[in-house]
Amino acid sequence: MSCQSATPSHSLLLRVDSLMDTHPDSALRLLESISHPENLHPADYGEYALLLMQAKDRNYTRVTDDSLIRSAVAYYQNGSDKEREAKAYYYLGRVYENSDRGIEAVEAFLHAARVMPDQMKSVYLGVTYERLGKCLRKQKFYKLSLEMYKKALTAEAFSRCRAVKREASGFLLLSPERM
């Protein structure tokens, strides 16, 4: 998060961030308790938008409207915080995936993977490649999909069981007439 002075909203966003991995439902409730988030400082609003998308995704809420996550993308793109830029593009990809905008989802996921700093690759890179594989598979790009599933398998902290399942289904879809 930014180095700005601690306002009540900034302190709340720090608390939300600390809850995200273990209690995403509590994080979502806290975020939804913020009245008039559009009036937040631009840095806080960018963080709010990113955290809200992350909380909704982790609570299995299907988001198809890209307006909120685009605010986070606009704030973090080409900035110095590559971790948040990568997360913003990852969640933009999730919104596009949810709304069946496959090409745009692939572009967002590729951007996330490209700017992702090394310290977050063990957590997000495998998931990003897995989502890419799913999007490409849905668009019938079976060879590329399989390549993304293989990349997901090589990412450190990604669940190998899930990636093996996806890779196996990719092989089943690869037949001479589909290549």
Foldseek 3Di string as FASTA:
>chain_A
DDPDDDDVLNVLLVVLVVCLPPNLVVSLVSLVVDPPLVPDDLVSLLSSLLSNLSSCVVVVNQAQDCPSLVSNCVVPPPDPPLQSNLSSLQSSLSNCVSNVVLVSSLVSLVSSLVSHDPVCQLPPVLVSLQSNLVSCVVVLVLVSSLVSLVSSCPRHNHDNVVSVVSNVVSVVSDDVVSD
